[in-house]
Amino acid sequence: MRYLTDARVSGREDRPARRLADPAAATWRRGEFPARFLNRRLVGRILTYGVLSLGSVLFLAPYVEMVLTSFMGPHQFRDAQMTTWRVTRTLQNELWPDPWTTQGYMAVWEAAPVLSWIVNSLILVVLGLFGQTFVSILVAFGFARTQLPGRNFLFIVVLATLMLPYQMFMGPWYAIFREIGRLGSLWSVALPDLWGNAFYIFIFRQFFLTIPVELDEAAEIDGANLLQVLFRVVVPLSTPAIATVAVFNIVAKWNQFFWPLVFIQWPERLPVAVGIRWFRTQHGYDPQLLMVTCIISMAPVVMFFLIAQRYFLRGAVLAGVRP
């Protein structure tokens, strides 16, 4: 106790003194929590992980069923259709392939022009990716770096276009392509995507604001003009933002459905997202071929996201940060 009194009189913050004076605080610092707090933390973790596990199961269940259905044989679907009530079907006949077969993966290429659908989707993805990314970079650079009068007001106007449904633009574009004779071609779907996108402009503009202006000034001292500053300084430093826009763009263009459904009538010119419905309208309902086509259409997007997810996550964070 004398040691504690001397330490307090001298005004020093002595750690041994505090441990002797407050043993409960020393216990908390060592991580030895009372039992009631341990029980609360344990119950909280169990509830958290339980809810997350249930959500994961509900999210993954349709994909698991899709994969299992793609390996089923035709007789399993006939047996299931003969049963009136779903609850009377056995688990084996309903969900589990018996036997496992890859017949659907070989028959789908002959049942429908799947290869043409994939090529059409790739064309739309490439055109939309380069067109929208290039134009969005130019517009975003103007909003982030130039001293244009009223640029903030114009930026708000650009963002306001996000509230407009894209269906309202279909009528004018439909009339334009009908007049020039390109209705029903891939250009009727690809050409509207060659212009900038307000959401991508926002991502690029916010990311450009995180790049120091001193780099632009150093390049201008060396004799670079505005475009050289953009493509030699700003763009090489914007790889995360470009990867983020690329992921969003590729997923959107690959899964584009409503616009090609209205503008394209020939089956050979359809993208894969619209071609999936071929197995319900032309050949009836074929669950195996339908699920096989869904897996084929989903695989490229999943692979691309797994490759670019590091840039995607970093760009998604930095795009909303302004220094």
Protein backbone atom coordinates (compact mmCIF):
# COMPACT_ATOMS: atom_id res chain seq x y z
CA MET A 1 0.00 0.00 0.00
CA ARG A 2 2.94 2.33 0.65
CA TYR A 3 4.04 1.74 -2.93
CA LEU A 4 0.62 2.78 -4.18
CA THR A 5 0.61 5.91 -2.01
CA ASP A 6 4.04 7.02 -3.20
CA ALA A 7 3.07 6.50 -6.82
CA ARG A 8 -0.09 8.55 -6.48
CA VAL A 9 1.68 11.37 -4.62
CA SER A 10 4.40 11.61 -7.23
CA GLY A 11 1.76 11.78 -9.99
CA ARG A 12 3.28 8.97 -12.03
CA GLU A 13 1.15 6.56 -14.01
CA ASP A 14 2.75 3.36 -12.84
CA ARG A 15 1.41 0.16 -14.34
CA PRO A 16 2.17 -2.12 -11.38
CA ALA A 17 0.37 0.31 -9.12
CA ARG A 18 -2.74 0.28 -11.28
CA ARG A 19 -2.78 -3.48 -11.38
CA LEU A 20 -2.61 -3.64 -7.59
CA ALA A 21 -5.20 -0.93 -7.17
CA ASP A 22 -7.67 -2.32 -9.73
CA PRO A 23 -7.32 -6.09 -10.18
CA ALA A 24 -10.58 -6.29 -12.17
CA ALA A 25 -9.16 -3.94 -14.84
CA ALA A 26 -6.02 -6.07 -15.04
CA THR A 27 -8.21 -9.12 -15.59
CA TRP A 28 -10.07 -7.38 -18.45
CA ARG A 29 -6.76 -6.34 -20.04
CA ARG A 30 -5.59 -9.95 -20.06
CA GLY A 31 -8.74 -10.93 -21.92
CA GLU A 32 -10.22 -12.89 -19.02
CA PHE A 33 -13.79 -11.68 -19.43
CA PRO A 34 -16.46 -12.58 -16.91
CA ALA A 35 -18.65 -15.55 -17.76
CA ARG A 36 -21.74 -13.47 -18.49
CA PHE A 37 -19.91 -11.46 -21.16
CA LEU A 38 -18.45 -14.63 -22.69
CA ASN A 39 -21.92 -16.14 -22.91
CA ARG A 40 -23.28 -13.04 -24.65
CA ARG A 41 -20.46 -13.02 -27.18
CA LEU A 42 -20.87 -16.74 -27.82
CA VAL A 43 -24.63 -16.43 -28.35
CA GLY A 44 -24.09 -13.42 -30.62
CA ARG A 45 -21.57 -15.28 -32.75
CA ILE A 46 -23.80 -18.34 -33.00
CA LEU A 47 -26.74 -16.22 -34.14
CA THR A 48 -24.59 -14.27 -36.60
CA TYR A 49 -23.02 -17.32 -38.20
CA GLY A 50 -26.36 -19.12 -38.18
CA VAL A 51 -28.09 -16.32 -40.10
CA LEU A 52 -25.17 -16.04 -42.54
CA SER A 53 -25.12 -19.81 -43.10
CA LEU A 54 -28.86 -19.88 -43.73
CA GLY A 55 -28.57 -17.01 -46.19
CA SER A 56 -25.71 -18.77 -47.98
CA VAL A 57 -27.72 -21.98 -48.29
CA LEU A 58 -30.74 -20.12 -49.66
CA PHE A 59 -28.51 -18.24 -52.12
CA LEU A 60 -26.60 -21.30 -53.34
CA ALA A 61 -29.55 -23.71 -53.49
CA PRO A 62 -30.79 -22.64 -56.98
CA TYR A 63 -27.26 -22.91 -58.42
CA VAL A 64 -26.75 -26.36 -56.91
CA GLU A 65 -30.08 -27.52 -58.30
CA MET A 66 -29.17 -26.05 -61.69
CA VAL A 67 -25.91 -28.01 -61.81
CA LEU A 68 -27.56 -31.24 -60.65
CA THR A 69 -30.39 -30.87 -63.13
CA SER A 70 -27.94 -30.46 -66.01
CA PHE A 71 -26.58 -33.96 -65.29
CA MET A 72 -29.98 -35.67 -65.06
CA GLY A 73 -31.37 -37.98 -67.69
CA PRO A 74 -34.63 -37.40 -69.58
CA HIS A 75 -36.40 -40.27 -67.76
CA GLN A 76 -36.15 -38.43 -64.45
CA PHE A 77 -38.11 -35.48 -65.82
CA ARG A 78 -40.76 -37.78 -67.28
CA ASP A 79 -41.16 -39.54 -63.94
CA ALA A 80 -41.42 -36.23 -62.15
CA GLN A 81 -44.05 -34.91 -64.57
CA MET A 82 -46.19 -38.01 -64.06
CA THR A 83 -46.49 -37.21 -60.35
CA THR A 84 -49.23 -34.71 -59.59
CA TRP A 85 -48.17 -33.54 -56.14
CA ARG A 86 -44.63 -32.35 -55.64
CA VAL A 87 -44.50 -33.62 -52.04
CA THR A 88 -44.92 -37.23 -53.22
CA ARG A 89 -41.76 -37.15 -55.33
CA THR A 90 -38.76 -38.86 -53.84
CA LEU A 91 -35.62 -36.85 -53.12
CA GLN A 92 -33.59 -39.04 -55.44
CA ASN A 93 -35.87 -38.53 -58.45
CA GLU A 94 -36.37 -34.85 -57.72
CA LEU A 95 -32.86 -33.55 -57.03
CA TRP A 96 -30.15 -36.17 -57.44
CA PRO A 97 -29.09 -37.41 -60.92
CA ASP A 98 -29.59 -41.16 -61.32
CA PRO A 99 -27.51 -41.95 -63.28
CA TRP A 100 -25.17 -39.02 -63.94
CA THR A 101 -25.05 -38.17 -67.63
CA THR A 102 -23.43 -35.51 -69.80
CA GLN A 103 -25.88 -36.03 -72.64
CA GLY A 104 -27.31 -32.55 -72.22
CA TYR A 105 -23.91 -30.87 -72.66
CA MET A 106 -23.48 -32.64 -76.01
CA ALA A 107 -27.07 -32.29 -77.25
CA VAL A 108 -27.47 -28.58 -76.52
CA TRP A 109 -25.15 -27.58 -79.40
CA GLU A 110 -27.39 -29.41 -81.89
CA ALA A 111 -30.72 -28.37 -80.38
CA ALA A 112 -30.12 -24.63 -80.74
CA PRO A 113 -27.55 -22.21 -82.22
CA VAL A 114 -25.82 -21.80 -78.84
CA LEU A 115 -22.43 -21.06 -80.40
CA SER A 116 -23.92 -18.21 -82.44
CA TRP A 117 -25.54 -16.83 -79.29
CA ILE A 118 -22.20 -16.86 -77.46
CA VAL A 119 -20.46 -15.11 -80.37
CA ASN A 120 -23.20 -12.47 -80.52
CA SER A 121 -22.91 -11.85 -76.78
CA LEU A 122 -19.13 -11.51 -77.07
CA ILE A 123 -19.54 -8.95 -79.87
CA LEU A 124 -21.96 -6.92 -77.77
CA VAL A 125 -19.65 -7.14 -74.74
CA VAL A 126 -16.55 -6.00 -76.66
CA LEU A 127 -18.29 -3.13 -78.42
CA GLY A 128 -20.01 -1.92 -75.27
CA LEU A 129 -16.90 -2.31 -73.15
CA PHE A 130 -14.59 -0.27 -75.36
CA GLY A 131 -17.23 2.24 -76.44
CA GLN A 132 -18.69 3.08 -73.05
CA THR A 133 -15.35 2.92 -71.23
CA PHE A 134 -13.60 5.22 -73.71
CA VAL A 135 -16.37 7.82 -73.78
CA SER A 136 -16.89 7.67 -70.02
CA ILE A 137 -13.18 8.29 -69.40
CA LEU A 138 -13.21 11.36 -71.63
CA VAL A 139 -16.28 12.84 -69.99
CA ALA A 140 -15.12 12.04 -66.46
CA PHE A 141 -11.71 13.60 -67.11
CA GLY A 142 -13.43 16.79 -68.23
CA PHE A 143 -15.48 16.91 -65.02
CA ALA A 144 -12.49 16.11 -62.78
CA ARG A 145 -9.67 18.16 -64.30
CA THR A 146 -10.90 20.95 -66.56
CA GLN A 147 -12.17 24.30 -65.29
CA LEU A 148 -15.30 24.27 -67.41
CA PRO A 149 -17.87 26.89 -66.29
CA GLY A 150 -20.89 25.14 -64.80
CA ARG A 151 -19.23 21.73 -64.76
CA ASN A 152 -20.76 20.83 -61.39
CA PHE A 153 -24.23 21.62 -62.69
CA LEU A 154 -23.59 19.56 -65.82
CA PHE A 155 -22.32 16.70 -63.67
CA ILE A 156 -25.54 16.77 -61.65
CA VAL A 157 -27.53 16.70 -64.90
CA VAL A 158 -25.56 13.65 -66.03
CA LEU A 159 -26.24 11.89 -62.74
CA ALA A 160 -29.92 12.80 -63.00
CA THR A 161 -30.18 10.68 -66.14
CA LEU A 162 -29.75 7.62 -63.91
CA MET A 163 -33.32 8.17 -62.74
CA LEU A 164 -34.67 7.85 -66.28
CA PRO A 165 -35.74 4.31 -67.27
CA TYR A 166 -33.89 3.10 -70.34
CA GLN A 167 -37.19 1.85 -71.82
CA MET A 168 -38.13 5.44 -72.62
CA PHE A 169 -35.25 5.57 -75.15
CA MET A 170 -36.35 2.44 -76.99
CA GLY A 171 -39.03 4.18 -79.04
CA PRO A 172 -36.72 6.77 -80.68
CA TRP A 173 -33.98 4.21 -81.28
CA TYR A 174 -36.48 1.76 -82.76
CA ALA A 175 -37.70 4.41 -85.21
CA ILE A 176 -34.12 5.36 -86.15
CA PHE A 177 -33.01 1.81 -86.90
CA ARG A 178 -36.21 1.10 -88.82
CA GLU A 179 -35.59 4.14 -91.04
CA ILE A 180 -31.96 3.21 -91.79
CA GLY A 181 -32.81 -0.46 -92.35
CA ARG A 182 -30.70 -1.90 -89.52
CA LEU A 183 -33.55 -3.13 -87.36
CA GLY A 184 -32.98 -6.75 -86.32
CA SER A 185 -29.18 -6.60 -86.59
CA LEU A 186 -26.64 -6.59 -83.78
CA TRP A 187 -25.95 -2.91 -84.49
CA SER A 188 -29.43 -2.05 -83.24
CA VAL A 189 -28.33 -3.34 -79.83
CA ALA A 190 -24.63 -2.40 -79.90
CA LEU A 191 -24.82 1.18 -81.24
CA PRO A 192 -26.77 2.68 -78.28
CA ASP A 193 -24.11 1.21 -75.97
CA LEU A 194 -21.24 3.05 -77.69
CA TRP A 195 -22.01 6.24 -75.73
CA GLY A 196 -21.02 6.98 -72.18
CA ASN A 197 -22.83 5.73 -69.13
CA ALA A 198 -23.66 8.09 -66.26
CA PHE A 199 -22.75 5.53 -63.60
CA TYR A 200 -19.38 4.81 -65.21
CA ILE A 201 -18.72 8.54 -65.56
CA PHE A 202 -19.35 8.93 -61.85
CA ILE A 203 -16.92 6.11 -60.98
CA PHE A 204 -14.16 7.50 -63.20
CA ARG A 205 -14.68 11.08 -62.05
CA GLN A 206 -14.48 10.12 -58.37
CA PHE A 207 -11.36 8.06 -58.99
CA PHE A 208 -9.65 10.79 -61.00
CA LEU A 209 -10.15 13.15 -58.04
CA THR A 210 -7.96 10.85 -55.92
CA ILE A 211 -4.99 11.26 -58.32
CA PRO A 212 -2.76 14.22 -57.34
CA VAL A 213 -3.01 17.19 -59.67
CA GLU A 214 0.76 17.68 -59.33
CA LEU A 215 1.28 14.74 -61.69
CA ASP A 216 -0.71 16.55 -64.39
CA GLU A 217 1.26 19.74 -63.82
CA ALA A 218 4.58 17.89 -64.06
CA ALA A 219 3.50 16.34 -67.36
CA GLU A 220 2.40 19.74 -68.69
CA ILE A 221 5.80 21.21 -67.77
CA ASP A 222 7.38 18.47 -69.89
CA GLY A 223 5.25 19.61 -72.83
CA ALA A 224 2.28 17.22 -72.64
CA ASN A 225 -1.11 18.41 -73.79
CA LEU A 226 -4.45 17.55 -72.17
CA LEU A 227 -4.98 14.26 -74.03
CA GLN A 228 -1.41 13.15 -73.35
CA VAL A 229 -1.90 13.86 -69.67
CA LEU A 230 -5.06 11.76 -69.74
CA PHE A 231 -3.71 8.72 -71.58
CA ARG A 232 -0.11 8.75 -70.33
CA VAL A 233 -0.60 9.80 -66.71
CA VAL A 234 -4.18 9.44 -65.50
CA VAL A 235 -5.33 6.31 -67.33
CA PRO A 236 -2.30 4.14 -66.34
CA LEU A 237 -3.00 5.03 -62.70
CA SER A 238 -6.70 4.19 -63.02
CA THR A 239 -6.45 0.43 -63.46
CA PRO A 240 -8.74 -0.34 -60.46
CA ALA A 241 -11.46 1.98 -61.75
CA ILE A 242 -11.18 0.58 -65.28
CA ALA A 243 -11.41 -2.97 -63.93
CA THR A 244 -14.47 -1.99 -61.88
CA VAL A 245 -16.22 -0.51 -64.90
CA ALA A 246 -15.19 -3.52 -66.99
CA VAL A 247 -16.81 -5.94 -64.54
CA PHE A 248 -20.03 -3.91 -64.40
CA ASN A 249 -20.07 -3.49 -68.17
CA ILE A 250 -19.36 -7.10 -69.04
CA VAL A 251 -22.01 -8.42 -66.65
CA ALA A 252 -24.59 -5.91 -67.91
CA LYS A 253 -23.92 -6.54 -71.60
CA TRP A 254 -23.69 -10.31 -71.23
CA ASN A 255 -27.01 -10.47 -69.37
CA GLN A 256 -28.77 -7.89 -71.58
CA PHE A 257 -32.25 -9.22 -72.26
CA PHE A 258 -35.03 -6.71 -72.87
CA TRP A 259 -33.37 -4.58 -75.56
CA PRO A 260 -32.32 -7.53 -77.80
CA LEU A 261 -35.72 -9.14 -77.25
CA VAL A 262 -37.43 -6.10 -78.80
CA PHE A 263 -34.93 -5.24 -81.55
CA ILE A 264 -33.86 -8.71 -82.80
CA GLN A 265 -36.25 -11.27 -84.24
CA TRP A 266 -33.94 -13.83 -85.90
CA PRO A 267 -32.81 -16.67 -83.59
CA GLU A 268 -29.26 -16.78 -85.00
CA ARG A 269 -28.67 -13.12 -84.04
CA LEU A 270 -29.84 -13.36 -80.45
CA PRO A 271 -27.45 -13.05 -77.51
CA VAL A 272 -27.21 -15.95 -75.11
CA ALA A 273 -29.36 -14.31 -72.41
CA VAL A 274 -32.33 -14.10 -74.80
CA GLY A 275 -31.54 -17.41 -76.49
CA ILE A 276 -32.16 -19.31 -73.24
CA ARG A 277 -35.90 -18.85 -73.66
CA TRP A 278 -35.63 -20.79 -76.94
CA PHE A 279 -36.02 -24.02 -74.98
CA ARG A 280 -39.41 -22.94 -73.70
CA THR A 281 -40.98 -21.50 -76.85
CA GLN A 282 -39.67 -23.61 -79.74
CA HIS A 283 -38.94 -27.04 -78.25
CA GLY A 284 -41.21 -27.02 -75.25
CA TYR A 285 -39.88 -27.15 -71.73
CA ASP A 286 -36.64 -29.12 -71.59
CA PRO A 287 -35.18 -28.68 -68.08
CA GLN A 288 -31.88 -30.38 -68.84
CA LEU A 289 -31.02 -28.30 -71.93
CA LEU A 290 -32.31 -25.18 -70.22
CA MET A 291 -30.03 -25.67 -67.22
CA VAL A 292 -27.06 -26.58 -69.42
CA THR A 293 -27.50 -23.35 -71.37
CA CYS A 294 -27.76 -21.37 -68.13
CA ILE A 295 -24.45 -22.85 -66.93
CA ILE A 296 -22.77 -22.10 -70.26
CA SER A 297 -24.00 -18.50 -70.15
CA MET A 298 -23.01 -18.01 -66.52
CA ALA A 299 -19.52 -19.53 -66.63
CA PRO A 300 -17.67 -16.71 -68.52
CA VAL A 301 -19.00 -13.99 -66.21
CA VAL A 302 -18.09 -15.92 -63.06
CA MET A 303 -14.58 -16.65 -64.36
CA PHE A 304 -14.01 -13.01 -65.28
CA PHE A 305 -15.18 -11.79 -61.88
CA LEU A 306 -12.89 -14.24 -60.06
CA ILE A 307 -9.95 -12.94 -62.09
CA ALA A 308 -10.75 -9.23 -61.66
CA GLN A 309 -12.27 -9.21 -58.17
CA ARG A 310 -9.14 -7.69 -56.59
CA TYR A 311 -9.34 -4.66 -58.88
CA PHE A 312 -13.10 -4.59 -58.57
CA LEU A 313 -13.12 -4.36 -54.77
CA ARG A 314 -10.32 -1.80 -54.65
CA GLY A 315 -11.92 0.33 -57.34
CA ALA A 316 -15.34 0.14 -55.73
CA VAL A 317 -13.85 1.52 -52.50
CA LEU A 318 -11.66 4.22 -54.01
CA ALA A 319 -14.34 5.42 -56.43
CA GLY A 320 -16.34 6.84 -53.54
CA VAL A 321 -13.42 8.57 -51.82
CA ARG A 322 -12.61 12.19 -52.48
CA PRO A 323 -9.44 13.70 -50.99
